[in-house]
Amino acid sequence: MKILAAILFLIILYSLGSALYYMYKDGGNSTRMVKSLSIRIGVSILLFVIMMVHTYFTHIV
């Protein structure tokens, strides 16, 4: 679980960094920045859901 969370967190940081890069390179007028931020939001929600499910199942037993 810790490895999966770390990998997803690195993907979130990479997506945030690429959005920053596209913002500077394209002047904020590109859809690439929006796609990168959308990926970041999706992965963040996925990470949150996985952590909630993991917490739920570890405290039931």
N, C-alpha and C. Protein backbone atom coordinates (compact mmCIF):
# COMPACT_ATOMS: atom_id res chain seq x y z
N MET A 1 0.82 -1.19 0.00
CA MET A 1 0.00 0.00 0.00
C MET A 1 0.87 1.26 0.00
N LYS A 2 1.94 1.24 0.78
CA LYS A 2 2.80 2.41 0.86
C LYS A 2 3.49 2.69 -0.48
N ILE A 3 3.87 1.62 -1.17
CA ILE A 3 4.53 1.79 -2.46
C ILE A 3 3.56 2.36 -3.49
N LEU A 4 2.33 1.86 -3.49
CA LEU A 4 1.31 2.37 -4.42
C LEU A 4 1.02 3.84 -4.14
N ALA A 5 0.90 4.21 -2.88
CA ALA A 5 0.65 5.60 -2.52
C ALA A 5 1.82 6.49 -2.95
N ALA A 6 3.03 6.02 -2.77
CA ALA A 6 4.20 6.79 -3.17
C ALA A 6 4.26 6.97 -4.68
N ILE A 7 3.94 5.92 -5.42
CA ILE A 7 3.95 6.00 -6.89
C ILE A 7 2.88 6.97 -7.37
N LEU A 8 1.68 6.89 -6.81
CA LEU A 8 0.62 7.81 -7.20
C LEU A 8 0.97 9.24 -6.83
N PHE A 9 1.62 9.44 -5.69
CA PHE A 9 2.03 10.78 -5.29
C PHE A 9 3.07 11.33 -6.26
N LEU A 10 3.99 10.50 -6.71
CA LEU A 10 4.97 10.95 -7.70
C LEU A 10 4.32 11.30 -9.03
N ILE A 11 3.30 10.54 -9.41
CA ILE A 11 2.56 10.85 -10.64
C ILE A 11 1.85 12.20 -10.50
N ILE A 12 1.29 12.46 -9.32
CA ILE A 12 0.64 13.74 -9.06
C ILE A 12 1.64 14.89 -9.19
N LEU A 13 2.81 14.72 -8.59
CA LEU A 13 3.83 15.77 -8.67
C LEU A 13 4.32 15.97 -10.11
N TYR A 14 4.50 14.88 -10.84
CA TYR A 14 4.92 14.99 -12.24
C TYR A 14 3.88 15.74 -13.07
N SER A 15 2.62 15.41 -12.85
CA SER A 15 1.55 16.08 -13.59
C SER A 15 1.48 17.56 -13.26
N LEU A 16 1.68 17.89 -12.00
CA LEU A 16 1.69 19.29 -11.59
C LEU A 16 2.88 20.04 -12.21
N GLY A 17 4.03 19.39 -12.24
CA GLY A 17 5.20 19.99 -12.85
C GLY A 17 5.04 20.18 -14.35
N SER A 18 4.43 19.21 -15.01
CA SER A 18 4.24 19.36 -16.46
C SER A 18 3.22 20.46 -16.76
N ALA A 19 2.22 20.62 -15.90
CA ALA A 19 1.26 21.72 -16.10
C ALA A 19 1.97 23.06 -15.94
N LEU A 20 2.86 23.16 -14.98
CA LEU A 20 3.62 24.40 -14.79
C LEU A 20 4.51 24.67 -16.01
N TYR A 21 5.14 23.63 -16.53
CA TYR A 21 5.98 23.77 -17.72
C TYR A 21 5.16 24.26 -18.91
N TYR A 22 4.00 23.64 -19.13
CA TYR A 22 3.16 24.03 -20.26
C TYR A 22 2.61 25.44 -20.07
N MET A 23 2.38 25.85 -18.82
CA MET A 23 1.89 27.19 -18.58
C MET A 23 2.94 28.23 -19.01
N TYR A 24 4.19 27.96 -18.66
CA TYR A 24 5.25 28.89 -19.04
C TYR A 24 5.56 28.82 -20.53
N LYS A 25 5.58 27.62 -21.08
CA LYS A 25 5.96 27.46 -22.48
C LYS A 25 4.89 28.00 -23.43
N ASP A 26 3.62 27.71 -23.13
CA ASP A 26 2.53 28.10 -24.02
C ASP A 26 1.84 29.38 -23.59
N GLY A 27 2.27 29.98 -22.51
CA GLY A 27 1.65 31.21 -22.05
C GLY A 27 0.28 31.02 -21.42
N GLY A 28 -0.04 29.82 -21.04
CA GLY A 28 -1.33 29.56 -20.42
C GLY A 28 -2.48 29.42 -21.40
N ASN A 29 -2.20 29.40 -22.69
CA ASN A 29 -3.24 29.32 -23.71
C ASN A 29 -3.32 27.95 -24.36
N SER A 30 -2.87 26.94 -23.68
CA SER A 30 -2.81 25.61 -24.26
C SER A 30 -3.75 24.66 -23.52
N THR A 31 -4.24 23.67 -24.25
CA THR A 31 -5.06 22.66 -23.60
C THR A 31 -4.20 21.61 -22.90
N ARG A 32 -2.90 21.61 -23.18
CA ARG A 32 -2.01 20.64 -22.52
C ARG A 32 -1.93 20.90 -21.02
N MET A 33 -1.97 22.16 -20.62
CA MET A 33 -1.94 22.48 -19.20
C MET A 33 -3.22 21.98 -18.53
N VAL A 34 -4.34 22.18 -19.18
CA VAL A 34 -5.62 21.74 -18.63
C VAL A 34 -5.66 20.22 -18.51
N LYS A 35 -5.14 19.52 -19.51
CA LYS A 35 -5.10 18.06 -19.46
C LYS A 35 -4.21 17.57 -18.32
N SER A 36 -3.07 18.22 -18.12
CA SER A 36 -2.18 17.83 -17.03
C SER A 36 -2.84 18.04 -15.67
N LEU A 37 -3.52 19.15 -15.51
CA LEU A 37 -4.19 19.41 -14.24
C LEU A 37 -5.38 18.48 -14.04
N SER A 38 -6.06 18.10 -15.12
CA SER A 38 -7.16 17.14 -15.02
C SER A 38 -6.65 15.78 -14.59
N ILE A 39 -5.51 15.38 -15.13
CA ILE A 39 -4.90 14.11 -14.73
C ILE A 39 -4.52 14.16 -13.25
N ARG A 40 -3.98 15.29 -12.82
CA ARG A 40 -3.60 15.44 -11.41
C ARG A 40 -4.81 15.32 -10.50
N ILE A 41 -5.90 15.93 -10.87
CA ILE A 41 -7.12 15.85 -10.06
C ILE A 41 -7.64 14.42 -10.02
N GLY A 42 -7.65 13.76 -11.17
CA GLY A 42 -8.14 12.38 -11.22
C GLY A 42 -7.29 11.43 -10.39
N VAL A 43 -5.98 11.57 -10.48
CA VAL A 43 -5.09 10.69 -9.71
C VAL A 43 -5.20 11.01 -8.21
N SER A 44 -5.39 12.28 -7.87
CA SER A 44 -5.55 12.66 -6.47
C SER A 44 -6.82 12.04 -5.88
N ILE A 45 -7.90 12.08 -6.63
CA ILE A 45 -9.14 11.47 -6.18
C ILE A 45 -8.98 9.96 -6.06
N LEU A 46 -8.31 9.36 -7.03
CA LEU A 46 -8.06 7.92 -6.97
C LEU A 46 -7.24 7.55 -5.73
N LEU A 47 -6.21 8.31 -5.44
CA LEU A 47 -5.39 8.06 -4.27
C LEU A 47 -6.22 8.19 -2.99
N PHE A 48 -7.06 9.21 -2.91
CA PHE A 48 -7.91 9.41 -1.74
C PHE A 48 -8.86 8.24 -1.55
N VAL A 49 -9.50 7.79 -2.63
CA VAL A 49 -10.44 6.67 -2.54
C VAL A 49 -9.72 5.39 -2.13
N ILE A 50 -8.56 5.13 -2.70
CA ILE A 50 -7.80 3.93 -2.34
C ILE A 50 -7.43 3.97 -0.86
N MET A 51 -7.01 5.12 -0.37
CA MET A 51 -6.63 5.23 1.04
C MET A 51 -7.84 5.06 1.96
N MET A 52 -8.99 5.58 1.57
CA MET A 52 -10.20 5.42 2.37
C MET A 52 -10.64 3.96 2.42
N VAL A 53 -10.61 3.28 1.29
CA VAL A 53 -10.99 1.87 1.24
C VAL A 53 -10.01 1.03 2.05
N HIS A 54 -8.73 1.33 1.93
CA HIS A 54 -7.72 0.60 2.69
C HIS A 54 -7.93 0.79 4.18
N THR A 55 -8.20 2.01 4.60
CA THR A 55 -8.44 2.29 6.01
C THR A 55 -9.70 1.57 6.51
N TYR A 56 -10.73 1.57 5.69
CA TYR A 56 -11.97 0.91 6.08
C TYR A 56 -11.76 -0.59 6.28
N PHE A 57 -11.08 -1.23 5.34
CA PHE A 57 -10.89 -2.67 5.43
C PHE A 57 -9.87 -3.09 6.49
N THR A 58 -8.92 -2.24 6.82
CA THR A 58 -7.97 -2.62 7.86
C THR A 58 -8.55 -2.46 9.24
N HIS A 59 -9.54 -1.61 9.41
CA HIS A 59 -10.14 -1.42 10.74
C HIS A 59 -11.34 -2.33 10.98
N ILE A 60 -11.84 -3.00 9.95
CA ILE A 60 -12.94 -3.95 10.14
C ILE A 60 -12.43 -5.23 10.77
N VAL A 61 -11.28 -5.66 10.35
CA VAL A 61 -10.74 -6.95 10.84
C VAL A 61 -10.23 -6.85 12.23
